[in-house]
Amino acid sequence: MKINWHEDFILFLASIVRPKVYVELGLYQCALFNRVIPFAETLIGVDINGEAGQHMNILPNTRFFHGTTQAFAKELSAQPLQIDMLFIDADHSREAVLQDFHDFFPYVAPHGLILMHDSHPGNVEMMDSTLCGTAYQAIAELSQAANNAYEMMTIPISPGLTICRKRQQQLSWQEM
């Protein structure tokens, strides 16, 4: 299986969910971000590396935020928006994934999806900080702490993708 299988999977999800707001934390070269454009109304990409923004298709509905995920979370606290699909793939450390999850969770719409990459490294070598890092440890912690606020499931194919749905009720129409 190819290493970037998650991109096709996320693209398929976006084509079904059709998020009004899609936010991607950690862009690299915008390969996935640019593919999601036809399926979302508004797209925001966040990366600490300014070069990432040079790869983004600049359109009226796309925006590049050059800075840390924490800086973007602070901007959201001043100008909140409701995120329908969030992809966490910036810093692959346990601490950073936990912080991004907790910083952005309040802005995720009810029944919105949070996708977290690098959550199932295939072997010890994949746990290198330049690959999956310790992101999988954050998933284990978040799974134990769900408290009926969300549900999680990890696709156990390296490098892994965890799908989280924010919810209070099982059926979305019961929360409307």
C-alpha atoms as a PDB file:
ATOM      1  CA  MET A   1       0.000   0.000   0.000  1.00  0.00           C
ATOM      2  CA  LYS A   2       1.286   3.479  -0.788  1.00  0.00           C
ATOM      3  CA  ILE A   3       2.439   5.652   2.110  1.00  0.00           C
ATOM      4  CA  ASN A   4       0.027   8.509   1.295  1.00  0.00           C
ATOM      5  CA  TRP A   5      -3.130   6.375   1.051  1.00  0.00           C
ATOM      6  CA  HIS A   6      -4.708   8.685   3.632  1.00  0.00           C
ATOM      7  CA  GLU A   7      -4.929  11.504   1.078  1.00  0.00           C
ATOM      8  CA  ASP A   8      -7.268   9.516  -1.177  1.00  0.00           C
ATOM      9  CA  PHE A   9      -9.305   8.458   1.856  1.00  0.00           C
ATOM     10  CA  ILE A  10      -9.662  12.031   3.163  1.00  0.00           C
ATOM     11  CA  LEU A  11     -10.528  13.255  -0.326  1.00  0.00           C
ATOM     12  CA  PHE A  12     -13.273  10.629  -0.540  1.00  0.00           C
ATOM     13  CA  LEU A  13     -14.619  11.720   2.876  1.00  0.00           C
ATOM     14  CA  ALA A  14     -14.596  15.365   1.779  1.00  0.00           C
ATOM     15  CA  SER A  15     -16.466  14.462  -1.410  1.00  0.00           C
ATOM     16  CA  ILE A  16     -19.230  12.902   0.707  1.00  0.00           C
ATOM     17  CA  VAL A  17     -19.297  15.293   3.681  1.00  0.00           C
ATOM     18  CA  ARG A  18     -18.853  18.474   1.595  1.00  0.00           C
ATOM     19  CA  PRO A  19     -17.564  20.557   4.517  1.00  0.00           C
ATOM     20  CA  LYS A  20     -18.484  24.220   4.628  1.00  0.00           C
ATOM     21  CA  VAL A  21     -15.178  24.862   6.412  1.00  0.00           C
ATOM     22  CA  TYR A  22     -12.107  22.643   5.985  1.00  0.00           C
ATOM     23  CA  VAL A  23      -8.980  23.370   8.028  1.00  0.00           C
ATOM     24  CA  GLU A  24      -5.664  21.596   7.513  1.00  0.00           C
ATOM     25  CA  LEU A  25      -2.919  21.928  10.125  1.00  0.00           C
ATOM     26  CA  GLY A  26       0.411  21.118   8.481  1.00  0.00           C
ATOM     27  CA  LEU A  27       0.381  21.477   4.705  1.00  0.00           C
ATOM     28  CA  TYR A  28       3.833  20.418   3.510  1.00  0.00           C
ATOM     29  CA  GLN A  29       3.299  21.075  -0.227  1.00  0.00           C
ATOM     30  CA  CYS A  30      -0.515  21.357  -0.224  1.00  0.00           C
ATOM     31  CA  ALA A  31      -1.016  18.094  -2.142  1.00  0.00           C
ATOM     32  CA  LEU A  32      -4.113  17.107  -0.163  1.00  0.00           C
ATOM     33  CA  PHE A  33      -5.310  20.655   0.503  1.00  0.00           C
ATOM     34  CA  ASN A  34      -5.484  21.511  -3.204  1.00  0.00           C
ATOM     35  CA  ARG A  35      -7.366  18.292  -3.960  1.00  0.00           C
ATOM     36  CA  VAL A  36     -10.038  19.095  -1.339  1.00  0.00           C
ATOM     37  CA  ILE A  37     -10.830  22.526  -2.869  1.00  0.00           C
ATOM     38  CA  PRO A  38     -13.706  21.329  -5.119  1.00  0.00           C
ATOM     39  CA  PHE A  39     -15.488  19.779  -2.127  1.00  0.00           C
ATOM     40  CA  ALA A  40     -15.386  22.566   0.496  1.00  0.00           C
ATOM     41  CA  GLU A  41     -16.821  26.073   0.605  1.00  0.00           C
ATOM     42  CA  THR A  42     -13.971  27.606   2.634  1.00  0.00           C
ATOM     43  CA  LEU A  43     -10.502  26.124   3.118  1.00  0.00           C
ATOM     44  CA  ILE A  44      -7.795  27.303   5.502  1.00  0.00           C
ATOM     45  CA  GLY A  45      -4.310  25.839   5.523  1.00  0.00           C
ATOM     46  CA  VAL A  46      -1.945  26.444   8.433  1.00  0.00           C
ATOM     47  CA  ASP A  47       1.804  25.906   8.332  1.00  0.00           C
ATOM     48  CA  ILE A  48       4.795  27.301  10.170  1.00  0.00           C
ATOM     49  CA  ASN A  49       6.799  27.048   6.927  1.00  0.00           C
ATOM     50  CA  GLY A  50       6.001  29.960   4.615  1.00  0.00           C
ATOM     51  CA  GLU A  51       7.046  27.948   1.562  1.00  0.00           C
ATOM     52  CA  ALA A  52       4.003  25.712   2.055  1.00  0.00           C
ATOM     53  CA  GLY A  53       1.774  28.618   1.034  1.00  0.00           C
ATOM     54  CA  GLN A  54       3.572  28.879  -2.304  1.00  0.00           C
ATOM     55  CA  HIS A  55       2.104  25.498  -3.244  1.00  0.00           C
ATOM     56  CA  MET A  56      -1.487  26.454  -2.390  1.00  0.00           C
ATOM     57  CA  ASN A  57      -3.975  27.139  -5.159  1.00  0.00           C
ATOM     58  CA  ILE A  58      -4.942  30.691  -4.256  1.00  0.00           C
ATOM     59  CA  LEU A  59      -8.659  31.120  -4.861  1.00  0.00           C
ATOM     60  CA  PRO A  60     -11.395  33.267  -3.284  1.00  0.00           C
ATOM     61  CA  ASN A  61     -12.281  30.386  -0.932  1.00  0.00           C
ATOM     62  CA  THR A  62      -8.726  29.422   0.150  1.00  0.00           C
ATOM     63  CA  ARG A  63      -6.512  31.014   2.764  1.00  0.00           C
ATOM     64  CA  PHE A  64      -2.978  30.351   3.942  1.00  0.00           C
ATOM     65  CA  PHE A  65      -2.116  31.100   7.571  1.00  0.00           C
ATOM     66  CA  HIS A  66       1.642  31.346   8.000  1.00  0.00           C
ATOM     67  CA  GLY A  67       2.366  30.578  11.634  1.00  0.00           C
ATOM     68  CA  THR A  68       2.000  28.007  14.363  1.00  0.00           C
ATOM     69  CA  THR A  69      -1.198  26.111  14.985  1.00  0.00           C
ATOM     70  CA  GLN A  70      -1.337  27.807  18.388  1.00  0.00           C
ATOM     71  CA  ALA A  71      -1.223  31.249  16.745  1.00  0.00           C
ATOM     72  CA  PHE A  72      -4.094  30.278  14.447  1.00  0.00           C
ATOM     73  CA  ALA A  73      -6.076  28.960  17.443  1.00  0.00           C
ATOM     74  CA  LYS A  74      -5.609  32.370  19.111  1.00  0.00           C
ATOM     75  CA  GLU A  75      -6.954  34.038  15.965  1.00  0.00           C
ATOM     76  CA  LEU A  76      -9.981  31.752  16.119  1.00  0.00           C
ATOM     77  CA  SER A  77     -10.652  32.778  19.700  1.00  0.00           C
ATOM     78  CA  ALA A  78     -10.936  36.390  18.470  1.00  0.00           C
ATOM     79  CA  GLN A  79     -12.790  35.513  15.259  1.00  0.00           C
ATOM     80  CA  PRO A  80     -14.486  32.126  15.786  1.00  0.00           C
ATOM     81  CA  LEU A  81     -15.669  29.929  12.965  1.00  0.00           C
ATOM     82  CA  GLN A  82     -17.242  26.509  12.863  1.00  0.00           C
ATOM     83  CA  ILE A  83     -15.029  23.810  11.332  1.00  0.00           C
ATOM     84  CA  ASP A  84     -16.738  20.879   9.633  1.00  0.00           C
ATOM     85  CA  MET A  85     -13.559  18.946   8.815  1.00  0.00           C
ATOM     86  CA  LEU A  86     -10.215  19.391  10.550  1.00  0.00           C
ATOM     87  CA  PHE A  87      -7.039  17.555   9.520  1.00  0.00           C
ATOM     88  CA  ILE A  88      -4.294  17.513  12.167  1.00  0.00           C
ATOM     89  CA  ASP A  89      -0.932  16.757  10.560  1.00  0.00           C
ATOM     90  CA  ALA A  90       1.498  19.442  11.749  1.00  0.00           C
ATOM     91  CA  ASP A  91       3.847  18.419  14.568  1.00  0.00           C
ATOM     92  CA  HIS A  92       3.755  14.642  15.050  1.00  0.00           C
ATOM     93  CA  SER A  93       4.609  14.656  18.745  1.00  0.00           C
ATOM     94  CA  ARG A  94       2.161  13.433  21.368  1.00  0.00           C
ATOM     95  CA  GLU A  95       2.139  16.848  23.056  1.00  0.00           C
ATOM     96  CA  ALA A  96       1.488  18.811  19.866  1.00  0.00           C
ATOM     97  CA  VAL A  97      -1.316  16.523  18.680  1.00  0.00           C
ATOM     98  CA  LEU A  98      -3.001  16.787  22.086  1.00  0.00           C
ATOM     99  CA  GLN A  99      -2.641  20.568  22.070  1.00  0.00           C
ATOM    100  CA  ASP A 100      -4.001  20.910  18.518  1.00  0.00           C
ATOM    101  CA  PHE A 101      -6.933  18.625  19.369  1.00  0.00           C
ATOM    102  CA  HIS A 102      -7.827  20.582  22.508  1.00  0.00           C
ATOM    103  CA  ASP A 103      -7.196  24.016  20.934  1.00  0.00           C
ATOM    104  CA  PHE A 104      -9.437  23.350  17.920  1.00  0.00           C
ATOM    105  CA  PHE A 105     -12.088  21.040  19.384  1.00  0.00           C
ATOM    106  CA  PRO A 106     -14.292  23.953  20.556  1.00  0.00           C
ATOM    107  CA  TYR A 107     -14.468  25.220  16.956  1.00  0.00           C
ATOM    108  CA  VAL A 108     -15.459  21.889  15.417  1.00  0.00           C
ATOM    109  CA  ALA A 109     -19.140  21.741  14.481  1.00  0.00           C
ATOM    110  CA  PRO A 110     -21.385  19.144  16.104  1.00  0.00           C
ATOM    111  CA  HIS A 111     -20.814  15.927  14.133  1.00  0.00           C
ATOM    112  CA  GLY A 112     -17.795  17.533  12.508  1.00  0.00           C
ATOM    113  CA  LEU A 113     -14.828  15.327  11.699  1.00  0.00           C
ATOM    114  CA  ILE A 114     -11.326  15.595  13.104  1.00  0.00           C
ATOM    115  CA  LEU A 115      -8.787  13.545  11.164  1.00  0.00           C
ATOM    116  CA  MET A 116      -5.397  12.839  12.705  1.00  0.00           C
ATOM    117  CA  HIS A 117      -2.507  11.471  10.686  1.00  0.00           C
ATOM    118  CA  ASP A 118       0.426   9.265  11.757  1.00  0.00           C
ATOM    119  CA  SER A 119      -1.645   7.476  14.377  1.00  0.00           C
ATOM    120  CA  HIS A 120      -0.579   3.892  13.578  1.00  0.00           C
ATOM    121  CA  PRO A 121       3.140   3.613  12.770  1.00  0.00           C
ATOM    122  CA  GLY A 122       3.861   0.273  11.116  1.00  0.00           C
ATOM    123  CA  ASN A 123       7.120  -0.383  12.970  1.00  0.00           C
ATOM    124  CA  VAL A 124       9.641   1.163  15.348  1.00  0.00           C
ATOM    125  CA  GLU A 125      11.434   2.969  12.512  1.00  0.00           C
ATOM    126  CA  MET A 126       8.194   4.802  11.656  1.00  0.00           C
ATOM    127  CA  MET A 127       8.182   6.280  15.194  1.00  0.00           C
ATOM    128  CA  ASP A 128      11.048   8.573  14.203  1.00  0.00           C
ATOM    129  CA  SER A 129      10.150  12.230  14.840  1.00  0.00           C
ATOM    130  CA  THR A 130      10.461  12.986  11.102  1.00  0.00           C
ATOM    131  CA  LEU A 131       7.821  10.336  10.326  1.00  0.00           C
ATOM    132  CA  CYS A 132       4.964   9.373  12.690  1.00  0.00           C
ATOM    133  CA  GLY A 133       6.674  10.469  15.878  1.00  0.00           C
ATOM    134  CA  THR A 134       4.650   9.893  19.030  1.00  0.00           C
ATOM    135  CA  ALA A 135       1.291  11.016  17.593  1.00  0.00           C
ATOM    136  CA  TYR A 136      -0.130   7.545  18.263  1.00  0.00           C
ATOM    137  CA  GLN A 137       0.290   8.155  22.020  1.00  0.00           C
ATOM    138  CA  ALA A 138      -2.029  11.160  21.798  1.00  0.00           C
ATOM    139  CA  ILE A 139      -4.677   8.995  20.143  1.00  0.00           C
ATOM    140  CA  ALA A 140      -4.507   6.495  23.006  1.00  0.00           C
ATOM    141  CA  GLU A 141      -4.984   9.297  25.546  1.00  0.00           C
ATOM    142  CA  LEU A 142      -7.813  10.937  23.638  1.00  0.00           C
ATOM    143  CA  SER A 143      -9.603   7.611  23.191  1.00  0.00           C
ATOM    144  CA  GLN A 144      -9.656   7.068  26.949  1.00  0.00           C
ATOM    145  CA  ALA A 145     -10.882  10.606  27.661  1.00  0.00           C
ATOM    146  CA  ALA A 146     -13.789  10.788  25.199  1.00  0.00           C
ATOM    147  CA  ASN A 147     -16.567  11.327  27.834  1.00  0.00           C
ATOM    148  CA  ASN A 148     -19.323  11.063  25.193  1.00  0.00           C
ATOM    149  CA  ALA A 149     -18.094  14.316  23.606  1.00  0.00           C
ATOM    150  CA  TYR A 150     -16.573  12.452  20.660  1.00  0.00           C
ATOM    151  CA  GLU A 151     -15.869   9.026  19.255  1.00  0.00           C
ATOM    152  CA  MET A 152     -12.663   7.815  17.632  1.00  0.00           C
ATOM    153  CA  MET A 153     -11.491   5.060  15.339  1.00  0.00           C
ATOM    154  CA  THR A 154      -8.030   4.430  13.927  1.00  0.00           C
ATOM    155  CA  ILE A 155      -7.487   2.781  10.572  1.00  0.00           C
ATOM    156  CA  PRO A 156      -4.682   0.332  11.464  1.00  0.00           C
ATOM    157  CA  ILE A 157      -2.688   0.702   8.270  1.00  0.00           C
ATOM    158  CA  SER A 158       0.653   2.483   8.501  1.00  0.00           C
ATOM    159  CA  PRO A 159       1.165   5.367   8.907  1.00  0.00           C
ATOM    160  CA  GLY A 160      -2.397   5.455  10.261  1.00  0.00           C
ATOM    161  CA  LEU A 161      -5.354   7.790  10.193  1.00  0.00           C
ATOM    162  CA  THR A 162      -7.692   8.363  13.104  1.00  0.00           C
ATOM    163  CA  ILE A 163     -11.210   9.615  12.511  1.00  0.00           C
ATOM    164  CA  CYS A 164     -12.912  11.481  15.327  1.00  0.00           C
ATOM    165  CA  ARG A 165     -16.525  12.631  15.282  1.00  0.00           C
ATOM    166  CA  LYS A 166     -17.573  15.345  17.725  1.00  0.00           C
ATOM    167  CA  ARG A 167     -20.992  14.507  19.085  1.00  0.00           C
ATOM    168  CA  GLN A 168     -23.332  14.465  22.065  1.00  0.00           C
ATOM    169  CA  GLN A 169     -25.980  12.258  20.415  1.00  0.00           C
ATOM    170  CA  GLN A 170     -25.462   9.331  18.091  1.00  0.00           C
ATOM    171  CA  LEU A 171     -27.785  10.753  15.434  1.00  0.00           C
ATOM    172  CA  SER A 172     -26.836  14.150  14.037  1.00  0.00           C
ATOM    173  CA  TRP A 173     -30.431  15.258  13.545  1.00  0.00           C
ATOM    174  CA  GLN A 174     -31.075  14.812  17.291  1.00  0.00           C
ATOM    175  CA  GLU A 175     -28.653  17.660  18.019  1.00  0.00           C
ATOM    176  CA  MET A 176     -30.156  20.157  15.573  1.00  0.00           C
END
